[in-house]
C-alpha atoms as a PDB file:
ATOM      1  CA  UNK A   1       0.072   0.053  -0.239  1.00  0.00           C
ATOM      2  CA  UNK A   2       1.438   3.429  -1.000  1.00  0.00           C
ATOM      3  CA  UNK A   3       2.480   5.695   1.704  1.00  0.00           C
ATOM      4  CA  UNK A   4       0.098   8.555   2.323  1.00  0.00           C
ATOM      5  CA  UNK A   5       2.113  11.702   3.045  1.00  0.00           C
ATOM      6  CA  UNK A   6       0.409  14.446   5.143  1.00  0.00           C
ATOM      7  CA  UNK A   7       3.354  16.477   6.533  1.00  0.00           C
ATOM      8  CA  UNK A   8       6.373  17.183   4.105  1.00  0.00           C
ATOM      9  CA  UNK A   9       9.479  18.710   5.404  1.00  0.00           C
ATOM     10  CA  UNK A  10      13.240  18.072   5.779  1.00  0.00           C
ATOM     11  CA  UNK A  11      15.969  19.319   8.305  1.00  0.00           C
ATOM     12  CA  UNK A  12      19.568  18.941   7.583  1.00  0.00           C
ATOM     13  CA  UNK A  13      21.518  18.650  10.813  1.00  0.00           C
ATOM     14  CA  UNK A  14      24.892  17.991   9.079  1.00  0.00           C
ATOM     15  CA  UNK A  15      24.975  21.115   7.060  1.00  0.00           C
ATOM     16  CA  UNK A  16      26.444  19.103   4.116  1.00  0.00           C
ATOM     17  CA  UNK A  17      23.341  17.949   2.282  1.00  0.00           C
ATOM     18  CA  UNK A  18      22.435  19.882  -0.942  1.00  0.00           C
ATOM     19  CA  UNK A  19      19.527  18.007  -1.939  1.00  0.00           C
ATOM     20  CA  UNK A  20      17.190  15.458  -0.303  1.00  0.00           C
ATOM     21  CA  UNK A  21      14.193  13.538  -2.001  1.00  0.00           C
ATOM     22  CA  UNK A  22      11.060  13.080   0.178  1.00  0.00           C
ATOM     23  CA  UNK A  23      10.322  10.119   0.355  1.00  0.00           C
ATOM     24  CA  UNK A  24      13.604   8.357  -0.058  1.00  0.00           C
ATOM     25  CA  UNK A  25      12.247   5.399  -2.004  1.00  0.00           C
ATOM     26  CA  UNK A  26      10.713   7.644  -4.956  1.00  0.00           C
ATOM     27  CA  UNK A  27       6.975   8.893  -5.496  1.00  0.00           C
ATOM     28  CA  UNK A  28       4.395   8.563  -2.921  1.00  0.00           C
ATOM     29  CA  UNK A  29       0.947   9.693  -2.543  1.00  0.00           C
ATOM     30  CA  UNK A  30       0.346  13.121  -0.994  1.00  0.00           C
ATOM     31  CA  UNK A  31      -3.047  14.022   0.354  1.00  0.00           C
ATOM     32  CA  UNK A  32      -4.838  17.136  -0.551  1.00  0.00           C
ATOM     33  CA  UNK A  33      -4.522  19.584   2.415  1.00  0.00           C
ATOM     34  CA  UNK A  34      -1.252  18.163   3.366  1.00  0.00           C
ATOM     35  CA  UNK A  35       1.402  20.708   4.979  1.00  0.00           C
ATOM     36  CA  UNK A  36       4.540  21.377   3.167  1.00  0.00           C
ATOM     37  CA  UNK A  37       7.284  23.646   5.322  1.00  0.00           C
ATOM     38  CA  UNK A  38      10.024  25.082   3.566  1.00  0.00           C
ATOM     39  CA  UNK A  39      12.681  26.890   5.641  1.00  0.00           C
ATOM     40  CA  UNK A  40      14.425  30.059   4.456  1.00  0.00           C
ATOM     41  CA  UNK A  41      17.345  28.108   3.325  1.00  0.00           C
ATOM     42  CA  UNK A  42      15.321  25.802   1.186  1.00  0.00           C
ATOM     43  CA  UNK A  43      13.311  25.309  -1.860  1.00  0.00           C
ATOM     44  CA  UNK A  44      10.809  22.498  -2.463  1.00  0.00           C
ATOM     45  CA  UNK A  45      10.605  20.988  -5.922  1.00  0.00           C
ATOM     46  CA  UNK A  46       7.643  18.703  -6.877  1.00  0.00           C
ATOM     47  CA  UNK A  47       8.368  15.996  -9.433  1.00  0.00           C
ATOM     48  CA  UNK A  48       5.869  13.830 -11.318  1.00  0.00           C
ATOM     49  CA  UNK A  49       6.967  11.204 -13.785  1.00  0.00           C
ATOM     50  CA  UNK A  50      10.437  12.764 -14.216  1.00  0.00           C
ATOM     51  CA  UNK A  51       9.184  16.380 -14.551  1.00  0.00           C
ATOM     52  CA  UNK A  52       9.236  19.321 -12.254  1.00  0.00           C
ATOM     53  CA  UNK A  53       5.892  20.607 -11.740  1.00  0.00           C
ATOM     54  CA  UNK A  54       6.316  23.293  -9.146  1.00  0.00           C
ATOM     55  CA  UNK A  55       8.834  25.192  -6.977  1.00  0.00           C
ATOM     56  CA  UNK A  56       7.659  26.201  -3.467  1.00  0.00           C
ATOM     57  CA  UNK A  57       9.833  28.883  -1.626  1.00  0.00           C
ATOM     58  CA  UNK A  58      10.170  29.414   2.260  1.00  0.00           C
ATOM     59  CA  UNK A  59       6.936  29.374   4.257  1.00  0.00           C
ATOM     60  CA  UNK A  60       4.123  26.831   5.372  1.00  0.00           C
ATOM     61  CA  UNK A  61       2.096  25.731   2.283  1.00  0.00           C
ATOM     62  CA  UNK A  62      -1.250  23.903   2.582  1.00  0.00           C
ATOM     63  CA  UNK A  63      -1.648  21.763  -0.614  1.00  0.00           C
ATOM     64  CA  UNK A  64      -5.047  22.961  -1.666  1.00  0.00           C
ATOM     65  CA  UNK A  65      -6.168  23.675  -5.393  1.00  0.00           C
ATOM     66  CA  UNK A  66      -5.996  27.277  -5.171  1.00  0.00           C
ATOM     67  CA  UNK A  67      -2.515  27.405  -3.986  1.00  0.00           C
ATOM     68  CA  UNK A  68      -0.796  25.010  -6.239  1.00  0.00           C
ATOM     69  CA  UNK A  69      -2.124  25.486  -9.898  1.00  0.00           C
ATOM     70  CA  UNK A  70       0.561  23.603 -11.584  1.00  0.00           C
ATOM     71  CA  UNK A  71      -0.178  20.600  -9.606  1.00  0.00           C
ATOM     72  CA  UNK A  72      -3.916  20.983  -9.641  1.00  0.00           C
ATOM     73  CA  UNK A  73      -3.820  21.113 -13.442  1.00  0.00           C
ATOM     74  CA  UNK A  74      -2.021  17.764 -13.495  1.00  0.00           C
ATOM     75  CA  UNK A  75      -4.402  16.146 -10.998  1.00  0.00           C
ATOM     76  CA  UNK A  76      -7.680  17.400 -12.749  1.00  0.00           C
ATOM     77  CA  UNK A  77      -6.133  16.239 -16.078  1.00  0.00           C
ATOM     78  CA  UNK A  78      -6.058  12.841 -14.900  1.00  0.00           C
ATOM     79  CA  UNK A  79      -9.493  12.883 -13.601  1.00  0.00           C
ATOM     80  CA  UNK A  80      -8.643  12.808  -9.788  1.00  0.00           C
ATOM     81  CA  UNK A  81     -11.107  14.664  -7.535  1.00  0.00           C
ATOM     82  CA  UNK A  82      -9.877  17.689  -5.515  1.00  0.00           C
ATOM     83  CA  UNK A  83     -10.069  15.642  -2.324  1.00  0.00           C
ATOM     84  CA  UNK A  84      -7.976  12.747  -3.765  1.00  0.00           C
ATOM     85  CA  UNK A  85      -4.424  11.918  -3.049  1.00  0.00           C
ATOM     86  CA  UNK A  86      -1.867  12.250  -5.915  1.00  0.00           C
ATOM     87  CA  UNK A  87       1.443  10.590  -6.300  1.00  0.00           C
ATOM     88  CA  UNK A  88       4.390  12.736  -6.553  1.00  0.00           C
ATOM     89  CA  UNK A  89       8.154  13.263  -5.042  1.00  0.00           C
ATOM     90  CA  UNK A  90       9.595  16.353  -3.316  1.00  0.00           C
ATOM     91  CA  UNK A  91      13.063  17.404  -3.685  1.00  0.00           C
ATOM     92  CA  UNK A  92      14.230  19.546  -0.701  1.00  0.00           C
ATOM     93  CA  UNK A  93      17.190  21.784  -2.119  1.00  0.00           C
ATOM     94  CA  UNK A  94      19.528  23.530   0.614  1.00  0.00           C
ATOM     95  CA  UNK A  95      20.233  26.979  -0.577  1.00  0.00           C
ATOM     96  CA  UNK A  96      22.436  28.419   2.087  1.00  0.00           C
ATOM     97  CA  UNK A  97      26.001  29.254   1.632  1.00  0.00           C
ATOM     98  CA  UNK A  98      28.302  26.239   1.791  1.00  0.00           C
ATOM     99  CA  UNK A  99      31.601  28.083   2.659  1.00  0.00           C
ATOM    100  CA  UNK A 100      35.242  27.628   3.112  1.00  0.00           C
ATOM    101  CA  UNK A 101      35.619  24.673   0.478  1.00  0.00           C
ATOM    102  CA  UNK A 102      39.065  24.009  -0.412  1.00  0.00           C
ATOM    103  CA  UNK A 103      40.753  24.027  -3.676  1.00  0.00           C
ATOM    104  CA  UNK A 104      44.542  23.415  -4.694  1.00  0.00           C
ATOM    105  CA  UNK A 105      46.786  22.429  -7.640  1.00  0.00           C
ATOM    106  CA  UNK A 106      47.309  18.588  -7.503  1.00  0.00           C
ATOM    107  CA  UNK A 107      50.348  19.154 -10.104  1.00  0.00           C
ATOM    108  CA  UNK A 108      52.406  22.245 -10.306  1.00  0.00           C
ATOM    109  CA  UNK A 109      51.490  24.856 -12.970  1.00  0.00           C
ATOM    110  CA  UNK A 110      54.104  25.791 -15.610  1.00  0.00           C
ATOM    111  CA  UNK A 111      54.473  29.590 -15.337  1.00  0.00           C
ATOM    112  CA  UNK A 112      56.557  31.765 -17.444  1.00  0.00           C
ATOM    113  CA  UNK A 113      58.206  34.225 -15.101  1.00  0.00           C
ATOM    114  CA  UNK A 114      59.582  37.474 -16.942  1.00  0.00           C
ATOM    115  CA  UNK A 115      62.465  37.461 -14.424  1.00  0.00           C
ATOM    116  CA  UNK A 116      62.807  33.714 -13.278  1.00  0.00           C
ATOM    117  CA  UNK A 117      61.970  32.254 -16.671  1.00  0.00           C
ATOM    118  CA  UNK A 118      59.938  29.012 -16.812  1.00  0.00           C
ATOM    119  CA  UNK A 119      59.138  27.955 -13.123  1.00  0.00           C
ATOM    120  CA  UNK A 120      56.737  25.603 -11.640  1.00  0.00           C
ATOM    121  CA  UNK A 121      54.133  26.968  -9.100  1.00  0.00           C
ATOM    122  CA  UNK A 122      51.415  25.554  -7.067  1.00  0.00           C
ATOM    123  CA  UNK A 123      48.487  27.562  -5.710  1.00  0.00           C
ATOM    124  CA  UNK A 124      45.760  26.921  -2.805  1.00  0.00           C
ATOM    125  CA  UNK A 125      42.719  28.592  -1.779  1.00  0.00           C
ATOM    126  CA  UNK A 126      39.068  28.733  -0.767  1.00  0.00           C
ATOM    127  CA  UNK A 127      35.690  29.095  -2.477  1.00  0.00           C
ATOM    128  CA  UNK A 128      31.936  29.341  -1.337  1.00  0.00           C
ATOM    129  CA  UNK A 129      28.932  28.204  -3.368  1.00  0.00           C
ATOM    130  CA  UNK A 130      25.040  28.663  -3.262  1.00  0.00           C
ATOM    131  CA  UNK A 131      22.333  26.825  -5.256  1.00  0.00           C
ATOM    132  CA  UNK A 132      20.979  29.641  -7.451  1.00  0.00           C
ATOM    133  CA  UNK A 133      18.567  27.555  -9.831  1.00  0.00           C
ATOM    134  CA  UNK A 134      16.987  24.699  -8.110  1.00  0.00           C
ATOM    135  CA  UNK A 135      15.502  22.788 -10.901  1.00  0.00           C
ATOM    136  CA  UNK A 136      18.654  23.229 -13.075  1.00  0.00           C
ATOM    137  CA  UNK A 137      20.835  22.168 -10.344  1.00  0.00           C
ATOM    138  CA  UNK A 138      18.592  18.857  -9.669  1.00  0.00           C
ATOM    139  CA  UNK A 139      18.310  18.243 -13.615  1.00  0.00           C
ATOM    140  CA  UNK A 140      22.011  18.906 -14.289  1.00  0.00           C
ATOM    141  CA  UNK A 141      23.779  17.606 -11.305  1.00  0.00           C
ATOM    142  CA  UNK A 142      21.912  15.518  -8.917  1.00  0.00           C
ATOM    143  CA  UNK A 143      19.603  13.428 -11.390  1.00  0.00           C
ATOM    144  CA  UNK A 144      17.664  10.809  -9.696  1.00  0.00           C
ATOM    145  CA  UNK A 145      19.664  10.407  -6.391  1.00  0.00           C
ATOM    146  CA  UNK A 146      17.846  10.464  -3.278  1.00  0.00           C
ATOM    147  CA  UNK A 147      20.626  12.162  -1.466  1.00  0.00           C
ATOM    148  CA  UNK A 148      23.281  14.514  -2.788  1.00  0.00           C
ATOM    149  CA  UNK A 149      25.832  15.940  -0.258  1.00  0.00           C
ATOM    150  CA  UNK A 150      28.559  18.718  -0.806  1.00  0.00           C
ATOM    151  CA  UNK A 151      31.455  16.323  -1.023  1.00  0.00           C
ATOM    152  CA  UNK A 152      30.230  14.949  -4.336  1.00  0.00           C
ATOM    153  CA  UNK A 153      30.638  17.976  -6.356  1.00  0.00           C
ATOM    154  CA  UNK A 154      33.595  19.488  -4.366  1.00  0.00           C
ATOM    155  CA  UNK A 155      36.438  17.912  -6.462  1.00  0.00           C
ATOM    156  CA  UNK A 156      34.810  18.442  -9.809  1.00  0.00           C
ATOM    157  CA  UNK A 157      34.275  22.193  -8.977  1.00  0.00           C
ATOM    158  CA  UNK A 158      38.137  22.143  -7.756  1.00  0.00           C
ATOM    159  CA  UNK A 159      39.138  21.002 -11.198  1.00  0.00           C
ATOM    160  CA  UNK A 160      37.334  23.852 -12.871  1.00  0.00           C
ATOM    161  CA  UNK A 161      38.995  26.472 -10.786  1.00  0.00           C
ATOM    162  CA  UNK A 162      42.519  25.145 -11.238  1.00  0.00           C
ATOM    163  CA  UNK A 163      41.804  24.962 -15.205  1.00  0.00           C
ATOM    164  CA  UNK A 164      40.794  28.559 -14.932  1.00  0.00           C
ATOM    165  CA  UNK A 165      43.633  29.474 -12.671  1.00  0.00           C
ATOM    166  CA  UNK A 166      46.034  28.464 -15.379  1.00  0.00           C
ATOM    167  CA  UNK A 167      44.521  30.898 -17.967  1.00  0.00           C
ATOM    168  CA  UNK A 168      44.236  33.859 -15.362  1.00  0.00           C
ATOM    169  CA  UNK A 169      47.847  33.809 -14.224  1.00  0.00           C
ATOM    170  CA  UNK A 170      49.205  33.232 -17.669  1.00  0.00           C
ATOM    171  CA  UNK A 171      47.128  36.388 -18.920  1.00  0.00           C
ATOM    172  CA  UNK A 172      47.314  38.649 -15.944  1.00  0.00           C
ATOM    173  CA  UNK A 173      50.667  37.999 -14.072  1.00  0.00           C
ATOM    174  CA  UNK A 174      54.142  38.550 -15.247  1.00  0.00           C
ATOM    175  CA  UNK A 175      56.468  37.501 -12.299  1.00  0.00           C
ATOM    176  CA  UNK A 176      55.704  35.662  -8.938  1.00  0.00           C
ATOM    177  CA  UNK A 177      57.365  38.750  -7.215  1.00  0.00           C
ATOM    178  CA  UNK A 178      54.334  40.685  -8.034  1.00  0.00           C
ATOM    179  CA  UNK A 179      51.534  37.756  -6.974  1.00  0.00           C
ATOM    180  CA  UNK A 180      51.068  38.894  -3.160  1.00  0.00           C
ATOM    181  CA  UNK A 181      50.319  42.527  -4.131  1.00  0.00           C
ATOM    182  CA  UNK A 182      47.754  41.622  -6.771  1.00  0.00           C
ATOM    183  CA  UNK A 183      45.846  38.670  -4.955  1.00  0.00           C
ATOM    184  CA  UNK A 184      42.712  40.855  -4.791  1.00  0.00           C
ATOM    185  CA  UNK A 185      42.705  41.703  -8.393  1.00  0.00           C
ATOM    186  CA  UNK A 186      43.235  38.026  -9.424  1.00  0.00           C
ATOM    187  CA  UNK A 187      40.656  36.834  -7.243  1.00  0.00           C
ATOM    188  CA  UNK A 188      37.994  39.198  -8.915  1.00  0.00           C
ATOM    189  CA  UNK A 189      39.288  38.207 -12.314  1.00  0.00           C
ATOM    190  CA  UNK A 190      39.247  34.323 -11.477  1.00  0.00           C
ATOM    191  CA  UNK A 191      35.771  34.740 -10.076  1.00  0.00           C
ATOM    192  CA  UNK A 192      34.404  36.433 -13.150  1.00  0.00           C
ATOM    193  CA  UNK A 193      35.946  33.951 -15.262  1.00  0.00           C
ATOM    194  CA  UNK A 194      34.466  31.051 -13.334  1.00  0.00           C
ATOM    195  CA  UNK A 195      30.864  32.305 -12.848  1.00  0.00           C
ATOM    196  CA  UNK A 196      29.903  31.156 -16.248  1.00  0.00           C
ATOM    197  CA  UNK A 197      30.579  27.668 -15.664  1.00  0.00           C
ATOM    198  CA  UNK A 198      28.903  27.794 -12.277  1.00  0.00           C
ATOM    199  CA  UNK A 199      25.863  29.105 -13.776  1.00  0.00           C
ATOM    200  CA  UNK A 200      25.526  26.299 -16.149  1.00  0.00           C
ATOM    201  CA  UNK A 201      25.099  23.967 -13.087  1.00  0.00           C
ATOM    202  CA  UNK A 202      22.750  26.123 -11.371  1.00  0.00           C
ATOM    203  CA  UNK A 203      25.201  27.320  -8.904  1.00  0.00           C
ATOM    204  CA  UNK A 204      26.365  30.805  -7.711  1.00  0.00           C
ATOM    205  CA  UNK A 205      29.829  31.217  -6.845  1.00  0.00           C
ATOM    206  CA  UNK A 206      29.954  33.332  -3.604  1.00  0.00           C
ATOM    207  CA  UNK A 207      33.550  34.055  -3.571  1.00  0.00           C
ATOM    208  CA  UNK A 208      36.927  32.555  -4.448  1.00  0.00           C
ATOM    209  CA  UNK A 209      40.086  33.309  -2.932  1.00  0.00           C
ATOM    210  CA  UNK A 210      43.765  32.509  -3.610  1.00  0.00           C
ATOM    211  CA  UNK A 211      45.462  31.979  -0.148  1.00  0.00           C
ATOM    212  CA  UNK A 212      48.974  31.208  -1.354  1.00  0.00           C
ATOM    213  CA  UNK A 213      51.283  30.476  -4.171  1.00  0.00           C
ATOM    214  CA  UNK A 214      54.457  28.445  -3.652  1.00  0.00           C
ATOM    215  CA  UNK A 215      57.378  27.781  -5.867  1.00  0.00           C
ATOM    216  CA  UNK A 216      59.862  24.738  -5.620  1.00  0.00           C
ATOM    217  CA  UNK A 217      62.650  24.700  -2.966  1.00  0.00           C
ATOM    218  CA  UNK A 218      65.267  25.528  -5.643  1.00  0.00           C
ATOM    219  CA  UNK A 219      63.493  28.757  -6.825  1.00  0.00           C
ATOM    220  CA  UNK A 220      62.692  29.782  -3.334  1.00  0.00           C
ATOM    221  CA  UNK A 221      66.441  29.822  -2.757  1.00  0.00           C
ATOM    222  CA  UNK A 222      67.062  32.022  -5.642  1.00  0.00           C
ATOM    223  CA  UNK A 223      64.312  34.409  -4.278  1.00  0.00           C
ATOM    224  CA  UNK A 224      66.128  34.351  -0.865  1.00  0.00           C
ATOM    225  CA  UNK A 225      69.466  35.012  -2.088  1.00  0.00           C
ATOM    226  CA  UNK A 226      67.991  37.942  -4.348  1.00  0.00           C
ATOM    227  CA  UNK A 227      66.243  39.398  -1.254  1.00  0.00           C
ATOM    228  CA  UNK A 228      69.298  39.161   0.894  1.00  0.00           C
ATOM    229  CA  UNK A 229      71.360  40.804  -1.696  1.00  0.00           C
ATOM    230  CA  UNK A 230      69.091  43.637  -1.807  1.00  0.00           C
ATOM    231  CA  UNK A 231      68.864  43.778   1.966  1.00  0.00           C
ATOM    232  CA  UNK A 232      72.789  44.372   1.885  1.00  0.00           C
ATOM    233  CA  UNK A 233      72.431  47.915   0.537  1.00  0.00           C
ATOM    234  CA  UNK A 234      75.882  49.245  -0.173  1.00  0.00           C
ATOM    235  CA  UNK A 235      78.080  46.264  -1.136  1.00  0.00           C
ATOM    236  CA  UNK A 236      81.362  48.152  -0.745  1.00  0.00           C
ATOM    237  CA  UNK A 237      80.457  49.088   2.915  1.00  0.00           C
ATOM    238  CA  UNK A 238      79.300  45.615   3.779  1.00  0.00           C
ATOM    239  CA  UNK A 239      82.676  44.030   2.309  1.00  0.00           C
ATOM    240  CA  UNK A 240      84.832  46.427   4.193  1.00  0.00           C
ATOM    241  CA  UNK A 241      83.014  45.493   7.486  1.00  0.00           C
ATOM    242  CA  UNK A 242      83.195  41.767   6.675  1.00  0.00           C
ATOM    243  CA  UNK A 243      87.006  41.771   5.844  1.00  0.00           C
ATOM    244  CA  UNK A 244      87.914  43.939   8.960  1.00  0.00           C
ATOM    245  CA  UNK A 245      85.922  41.751  11.305  1.00  0.00           C
ATOM    246  CA  UNK A 246      87.331  38.522   9.913  1.00  0.00           C
ATOM    247  CA  UNK A 247      91.007  39.969  10.039  1.00  0.00           C
ATOM    248  CA  UNK A 248      90.428  41.301  13.574  1.00  0.00           C
ATOM    249  CA  UNK A 249      89.097  37.833  14.716  1.00  0.00           C
ATOM    250  CA  UNK A 250      92.358  36.480  13.203  1.00  0.00           C
ATOM    251  CA  UNK A 251      94.573  38.876  15.077  1.00  0.00           C
ATOM    252  CA  UNK A 252      92.924  37.941  18.399  1.00  0.00           C
ATOM    253  CA  UNK A 253      93.391  34.181  17.906  1.00  0.00           C
ATOM    254  CA  UNK A 254      97.285  35.056  17.354  1.00  0.00           C
ATOM    255  CA  UNK A 255      97.701  36.295  20.888  1.00  0.00           C
ATOM    256  CA  UNK A 256      96.535  38.782  23.366  1.00  0.00           C
ATOM    257  CA  UNK A 257      98.192  42.160  24.858  1.00  0.00           C
ATOM    258  CA  UNK A 258      99.568  44.668  22.437  1.00  0.00           C
ATOM    259  CA  UNK A 259      99.923  42.204  19.423  1.00  0.00           C
ATOM    260  CA  UNK A 260      96.491  41.760  19.514  1.00  0.00           C
ATOM    261  CA  UNK A 261      95.900  45.608  19.386  1.00  0.00           C
ATOM    262  CA  UNK A 262      98.177  45.977  16.738  1.00  0.00           C
ATOM    263  CA  UNK A 263      96.854  43.090  14.896  1.00  0.00           C
ATOM    264  CA  UNK A 264      93.263  44.640  15.233  1.00  0.00           C
ATOM    265  CA  UNK A 265      94.573  47.980  13.956  1.00  0.00           C
ATOM    266  CA  UNK A 266      96.031  46.288  11.071  1.00  0.00           C
ATOM    267  CA  UNK A 267      93.136  44.444  10.569  1.00  0.00           C
ATOM    268  CA  UNK A 268      90.981  47.525  10.278  1.00  0.00           C
ATOM    269  CA  UNK A 269      93.208  49.162   7.975  1.00  0.00           C
ATOM    270  CA  UNK A 270      93.370  46.048   5.813  1.00  0.00           C
ATOM    271  CA  UNK A 271      89.460  46.069   6.016  1.00  0.00           C
ATOM    272  CA  UNK A 272      89.240  49.514   4.271  1.00  0.00           C
ATOM    273  CA  UNK A 273      91.662  48.444   1.559  1.00  0.00           C
ATOM    274  CA  UNK A 274      90.531  45.035   1.097  1.00  0.00           C
ATOM    275  CA  UNK A 275      87.286  45.860  -1.216  1.00  0.00           C
ATOM    276  CA  UNK A 276      89.430  47.480  -3.655  1.00  0.00           C
ATOM    277  CA  UNK A 277      91.387  44.318  -3.829  1.00  0.00           C
ATOM    278  CA  UNK A 278      88.545  41.978  -4.029  1.00  0.00           C
ATOM    279  CA  UNK A 279      86.938  44.191  -6.696  1.00  0.00           C
ATOM    280  CA  UNK A 280      90.043  44.291  -8.687  1.00  0.00           C
ATOM    281  CA  UNK A 281      90.539  40.410  -8.464  1.00  0.00           C
ATOM    282  CA  UNK A 282      86.832  39.818  -9.377  1.00  0.00           C
ATOM    283  CA  UNK A 283      86.900  42.095 -12.459  1.00  0.00           C
ATOM    284  CA  UNK A 284      90.010  40.382 -13.513  1.00  0.00           C
ATOM    285  CA  UNK A 285      88.402  36.982 -13.231  1.00  0.00           C
ATOM    286  CA  UNK A 286      85.362  38.266 -15.468  1.00  0.00           C
ATOM    287  CA  UNK A 287      87.668  40.174 -17.993  1.00  0.00           C
ATOM    288  CA  UNK A 288      89.851  36.992 -18.742  1.00  0.00           C
ATOM    289  CA  UNK A 289      93.232  37.699 -19.995  1.00  0.00           C
ATOM    290  CA  UNK A 290      92.924  40.899 -21.572  1.00  0.00           C
ATOM    291  CA  UNK A 291      93.442  44.486 -20.124  1.00  0.00           C
ATOM    292  CA  UNK A 292      95.057  43.879 -17.050  1.00  0.00           C
ATOM    293  CA  UNK A 293      98.318  42.117 -18.127  1.00  0.00           C
ATOM    294  CA  UNK A 294      98.172  39.330 -15.456  1.00  0.00           C
ATOM    295  CA  UNK A 295      97.947  36.055 -16.328  1.00  0.00           C
ATOM    296  CA  UNK A 296      95.301  33.622 -15.145  1.00  0.00           C
ATOM    297  CA  UNK A 297      97.682  31.774 -12.818  1.00  0.00           C
ATOM    298  CA  UNK A 298      98.313  35.096 -11.123  1.00  0.00           C
ATOM    299  CA  UNK A 299      94.743  35.847 -10.627  1.00  0.00           C
ATOM    300  CA  UNK A 300      94.087  32.403  -9.356  1.00  0.00           C
ATOM    301  CA  UNK A 301      96.762  33.033  -6.625  1.00  0.00           C
ATOM    302  CA  UNK A 302      94.998  36.098  -5.766  1.00  0.00           C
ATOM    303  CA  UNK A 303      91.880  34.511  -5.337  1.00  0.00           C
ATOM    304  CA  UNK A 304      93.458  31.915  -3.242  1.00  0.00           C
ATOM    305  CA  UNK A 305      95.012  34.464  -0.937  1.00  0.00           C
ATOM    306  CA  UNK A 306      91.728  36.166  -0.405  1.00  0.00           C
ATOM    307  CA  UNK A 307      90.088  32.792   0.402  1.00  0.00           C
ATOM    308  CA  UNK A 308      92.848  32.088   3.007  1.00  0.00           C
ATOM    309  CA  UNK A 309      92.184  35.326   4.482  1.00  0.00           C
ATOM    310  CA  UNK A 310      88.464  34.448   4.658  1.00  0.00           C
ATOM    311  CA  UNK A 311      87.668  37.623   2.743  1.00  0.00           C
ATOM    312  CA  UNK A 312      85.471  35.581   0.029  1.00  0.00           C
ATOM    313  CA  UNK A 313      83.509  32.384   0.567  1.00  0.00           C
ATOM    314  CA  UNK A 314      84.443  29.116  -0.730  1.00  0.00           C
ATOM    315  CA  UNK A 315      81.446  29.265  -3.189  1.00  0.00           C
ATOM    316  CA  UNK A 316      82.633  32.356  -4.638  1.00  0.00           C
ATOM    317  CA  UNK A 317      86.202  31.233  -5.113  1.00  0.00           C
ATOM    318  CA  UNK A 318      85.042  28.145  -6.696  1.00  0.00           C
ATOM    319  CA  UNK A 319      82.962  30.092  -8.991  1.00  0.00           C
ATOM    320  CA  UNK A 320      85.702  32.416 -10.197  1.00  0.00           C
ATOM    321  CA  UNK A 321      88.282  29.683 -10.156  1.00  0.00           C
ATOM    322  CA  UNK A 322      86.112  27.712 -12.719  1.00  0.00           C
ATOM    323  CA  UNK A 323      85.804  30.862 -15.093  1.00  0.00           C
ATOM    324  CA  UNK A 324      89.851  31.340 -14.841  1.00  0.00           C
ATOM    325  CA  UNK A 325      90.506  27.652 -15.360  1.00  0.00           C
ATOM    326  CA  UNK A 326      88.321  28.003 -18.599  1.00  0.00           C
ATOM    327  CA  UNK A 327      90.634  30.682 -20.085  1.00  0.00           C
ATOM    328  CA  UNK A 328      93.852  28.799 -19.529  1.00  0.00           C
END
């Protein structure tokens, strides 16, 4: 015997249900005069024979002929009396905001950076959606499922966002150095690009935010080195300070007393003279054998002296040594 429904309503205690069919097992007999309660955050869609008949908004509805003309027309067309039950199914659609959904790039995006050339980046963010067109969403996405939760569509929407992100970054951005300052603009452009895709599903994209953009570790090291060089400011003054401190420390290690004071004074004096020596040596290493009259072997010796004095680092020494060896 068919179930006779006199009260139609649905409450979602999880906050994750987008669509719920009442009853679960398909069409049932609904009594004329039955009460339909639709919450502020819901739509109720009546279906008969796979076709949507009417959509009820928020409120308490008594199912009578004067209240539901589309259903009444269907009932009377099949010779049912006004007080007879009719078979139908009701889909309750949750129209509240589904916030703070996550998206991210599962694989790095290839990005042409004007300063770092071709690099791979990852990006992560959040977005929020609402059901805008209940009938379209049911017909296009839910189908005949009796229960549809937000997790079932989340991964699909993430793939749409990442696809559009590739296009937006390629069109709007020139360098990863500019991204943090441009997040607000990118968010607006990305949302505008995505809305047409979401409209086709009966959804409203409430917001879409980029929370972070990351680069591989080797690229991050390059960025850190560049930032460090910028933070040094006057390289000549920095080298004077660095050399003076290293020579003064060496003098302290040789002994105390007057000798240490003399060594410290010599170290300070050498500290102010050393940047010129370093610059000449470095310039010679990059100019090769022409112009200075010095051989590559002489320059190698000078570089080694600077390394022994700890005026340059091992990495700097190895780099310049390689350049000079190629010229021998």
